[in-house]
C-alpha atoms as a PDB file:
ATOM      1  CA  GLN A   1     -42.091-184.248-164.568  1.00  0.00           C
ATOM      2  CA  VAL A   2     -39.627-181.421-164.219  1.00  0.00           C
ATOM      3  CA  GLN A   3     -38.004-180.044-167.367  1.00  0.00           C
ATOM      4  CA  LEU A   4     -34.488-178.644-167.479  1.00  0.00           C
ATOM      5  CA  ALA A   5     -33.177-175.996-169.854  1.00  0.00           C
ATOM      6  CA  GLU A   6     -29.479-175.213-170.245  1.00  0.00           C
ATOM      7  CA  SER A   7     -27.954-172.070-171.707  1.00  0.00           C
ATOM      8  CA  GLY A   8     -24.688-170.166-171.782  1.00  0.00           C
ATOM      9  CA  GLY A   9     -22.557-172.303-174.051  1.00  0.00           C
ATOM     10  CA  GLY A  10     -20.479-170.885-176.858  1.00  0.00           C
ATOM     11  CA  LEU A  11     -17.053-170.519-178.407  1.00  0.00           C
ATOM     12  CA  VAL A  12     -14.246-169.330-176.154  1.00  0.00           C
ATOM     13  CA  ARG A  13     -10.474-169.163-176.414  1.00  0.00           C
ATOM     14  CA  PRO A  14      -8.248-171.296-174.193  1.00  0.00           C
ATOM     15  CA  GLY A  15      -7.916-169.669-170.801  1.00  0.00           C
ATOM     16  CA  GLY A  16     -11.291-168.010-171.109  1.00  0.00           C
ATOM     17  CA  SER A  17     -14.453-168.395-169.057  1.00  0.00           C
ATOM     18  CA  LEU A  18     -18.079-169.315-169.567  1.00  0.00           C
ATOM     19  CA  ARG A  19     -21.025-169.568-167.208  1.00  0.00           C
ATOM     20  CA  LEU A  20     -23.615-172.230-167.919  1.00  0.00           C
ATOM     21  CA  THR A  21     -27.135-171.959-166.550  1.00  0.00           C
ATOM     22  CA  CYS A  22     -29.701-174.702-165.965  1.00  0.00           C
ATOM     23  CA  THR A  23     -33.228-173.716-165.062  1.00  0.00           C
ATOM     24  CA  ALA A  24     -35.852-176.177-163.844  1.00  0.00           C
ATOM     25  CA  SER A  25     -39.524-175.806-164.744  1.00  0.00           C
ATOM     26  CA  ARG A  26     -40.532-176.060-161.090  1.00  0.00           C
ATOM     27  CA  THR A  27     -39.021-176.028-157.651  1.00  0.00           C
ATOM     28  CA  THR A  28     -37.411-179.271-156.605  1.00  0.00           C
ATOM     29  CA  PHE A  29     -35.233-179.863-153.579  1.00  0.00           C
ATOM     30  CA  THR A  30     -32.851-182.446-154.937  1.00  0.00           C
ATOM     31  CA  SER A  31     -29.275-182.519-156.097  1.00  0.00           C
ATOM     32  CA  TYR A  32     -28.227-181.208-159.479  1.00  0.00           C
ATOM     33  CA  ALA A  33     -25.345-182.424-161.595  1.00  0.00           C
ATOM     34  CA  TRP A  34     -23.548-181.346-164.738  1.00  0.00           C
ATOM     35  CA  TYR A  35     -22.254-183.860-167.267  1.00  0.00           C
ATOM     36  CA  ARG A  36     -20.493-183.453-170.575  1.00  0.00           C
ATOM     37  CA  GLN A  37     -19.997-185.484-173.708  1.00  0.00           C
ATOM     38  CA  ALA A  38     -17.298-184.878-176.272  1.00  0.00           C
ATOM     39  CA  PRO A  39     -17.604-186.263-179.828  1.00  0.00           C
ATOM     40  CA  GLY A  40     -16.790-189.944-179.888  1.00  0.00           C
ATOM     41  CA  LYS A  41     -16.574-190.195-176.112  1.00  0.00           C
ATOM     42  CA  GLN A  42     -18.861-191.368-173.352  1.00  0.00           C
ATOM     43  CA  ARG A  43     -20.808-188.892-171.282  1.00  0.00           C
ATOM     44  CA  GLU A  44     -18.893-188.061-168.117  1.00  0.00           C
ATOM     45  CA  TRP A  45     -19.823-186.516-164.830  1.00  0.00           C
ATOM     46  CA  VAL A  46     -18.433-183.026-164.197  1.00  0.00           C
ATOM     47  CA  ALA A  47     -19.872-181.682-160.944  1.00  0.00           C
ATOM     48  CA  LYS A  48     -22.670-182.124-158.439  1.00  0.00           C
ATOM     49  CA  ILE A  49     -24.312-179.937-155.831  1.00  0.00           C
ATOM     50  CA  THR A  50     -26.590-181.175-153.076  1.00  0.00           C
ATOM     51  CA  THR A  51     -29.551-179.454-151.483  1.00  0.00           C
ATOM     52  CA  GLY A  52     -27.181-178.405-148.709  1.00  0.00           C
ATOM     53  CA  ASP A  53     -24.859-176.756-151.248  1.00  0.00           C
ATOM     54  CA  PHE A  54     -22.187-179.425-150.872  1.00  0.00           C
ATOM     55  CA  ALA A  55     -20.276-179.502-154.165  1.00  0.00           C
ATOM     56  CA  THR A  56     -18.077-182.191-155.662  1.00  0.00           C
ATOM     57  CA  TYR A  57     -16.065-182.140-158.865  1.00  0.00           C
ATOM     58  CA  ALA A  58     -14.371-184.442-161.318  1.00  0.00           C
ATOM     59  CA  ASP A  59     -10.604-184.303-160.990  1.00  0.00           C
ATOM     60  CA  SER A  60     -10.314-182.924-164.521  1.00  0.00           C
ATOM     61  CA  VAL A  61     -12.173-179.718-163.596  1.00  0.00           C
ATOM     62  CA  LYS A  62     -11.392-179.316-159.902  1.00  0.00           C
ATOM     63  CA  GLY A  63     -10.069-175.845-159.170  1.00  0.00           C
ATOM     64  CA  ARG A  64     -11.335-174.460-162.484  1.00  0.00           C
ATOM     65  CA  PHE A  65     -15.102-175.044-162.383  1.00  0.00           C
ATOM     66  CA  THR A  66     -17.561-173.954-159.721  1.00  0.00           C
ATOM     67  CA  ILE A  67     -21.111-175.248-159.349  1.00  0.00           C
ATOM     68  CA  SER A  68     -23.716-173.232-157.467  1.00  0.00           C
ATOM     69  CA  ARG A  69     -27.494-173.119-157.118  1.00  0.00           C
ATOM     70  CA  SER A  70     -30.456-170.987-156.178  1.00  0.00           C
ATOM     71  CA  ASN A  71     -33.502-172.859-154.940  1.00  0.00           C
ATOM     72  CA  ALA A  72     -35.553-169.670-155.130  1.00  0.00           C
ATOM     73  CA  LYS A  73     -34.777-169.380-158.838  1.00  0.00           C
ATOM     74  CA  ASN A  74     -34.893-173.134-159.614  1.00  0.00           C
ATOM     75  CA  THR A  75     -31.467-172.604-161.144  1.00  0.00           C
ATOM     76  CA  VAL A  76     -28.014-174.145-161.050  1.00  0.00           C
ATOM     77  CA  TRP A  77     -24.917-172.615-162.597  1.00  0.00           C
ATOM     78  CA  LEU A  78     -21.563-173.944-163.720  1.00  0.00           C
ATOM     79  CA  GLN A  79     -18.852-171.299-163.754  1.00  0.00           C
ATOM     80  CA  MET A  80     -16.024-172.511-165.959  1.00  0.00           C
ATOM     81  CA  ASP A  81     -12.674-170.724-165.776  1.00  0.00           C
ATOM     82  CA  SER A  82      -9.277-171.425-167.302  1.00  0.00           C
ATOM     83  CA  LEU A  83     -10.945-173.376-170.064  1.00  0.00           C
ATOM     84  CA  LYS A  84      -8.917-175.851-172.092  1.00  0.00           C
ATOM     85  CA  PRO A  85      -9.529-177.345-175.541  1.00  0.00           C
ATOM     86  CA  GLU A  86     -10.235-180.674-173.853  1.00  0.00           C
ATOM     87  CA  ASP A  87     -13.231-179.058-172.133  1.00  0.00           C
ATOM     88  CA  THR A  88     -14.944-178.910-175.525  1.00  0.00           C
ATOM     89  CA  ALA A  89     -18.160-180.907-175.253  1.00  0.00           C
ATOM     90  CA  MET A  90     -21.921-180.770-175.034  1.00  0.00           C
ATOM     91  CA  TYR A  91     -22.779-179.971-171.435  1.00  0.00           C
ATOM     92  CA  TYR A  92     -25.909-181.393-169.830  1.00  0.00           C
ATOM     93  CA  CYS A  93     -27.753-180.635-166.638  1.00  0.00           C
ATOM     94  CA  LYS A  94     -29.269-183.547-164.733  1.00  0.00           C
ATOM     95  CA  GLN A  95     -31.677-183.729-161.832  1.00  0.00           C
ATOM     96  CA  ASP A  96     -32.701-187.181-160.620  1.00  0.00           C
ATOM     97  CA  GLY A  97     -33.563-188.999-163.851  1.00  0.00           C
ATOM     98  CA  THR A  98     -34.207-185.915-165.944  1.00  0.00           C
ATOM     99  CA  TRP A  99     -31.748-184.480-168.491  1.00  0.00           C
ATOM    100  CA  GLY A 100     -31.705-181.147-170.221  1.00  0.00           C
ATOM    101  CA  GLN A 101     -31.165-180.780-173.958  1.00  0.00           C
ATOM    102  CA  GLY A 102     -27.558-179.669-173.569  1.00  0.00           C
ATOM    103  CA  THR A 103     -25.514-176.612-174.476  1.00  0.00           C
ATOM    104  CA  GLN A 104     -22.387-176.731-176.631  1.00  0.00           C
ATOM    105  CA  VAL A 105     -19.074-175.472-175.273  1.00  0.00           C
ATOM    106  CA  THR A 106     -16.189-175.118-177.711  1.00  0.00           C
ATOM    107  CA  VAL A 107     -12.723-174.064-176.544  1.00  0.00           C
ATOM    108  CA  SER A 108     -10.512-173.168-179.462  1.00  0.00           C
ATOM    109  CA  SER A 109      -8.078-170.529-180.587  1.00  0.00           C
END
């Protein structure tokens, strides 16, 4: 079973940027997705990218977040710009039925 490892989270001020990285333990040609879960809230879908690099986004992040991938590097990224306090959450990478351990993003002044 493939394993996923996220990195890149941290503390950033409103309006700032972060780039999250998710690396798979082996090459897989399937879609990737990012989800997030804020304290006390349900996990929600953020973005998805297909094997053909077709990307879709939740309305709450459209125009601010960009998902991309490299099959050669078994890696998917989530570039997050114009961050808002409401983006604060644990961010998870998902591929098929496999989840990563998550990386914390905190947006605060």
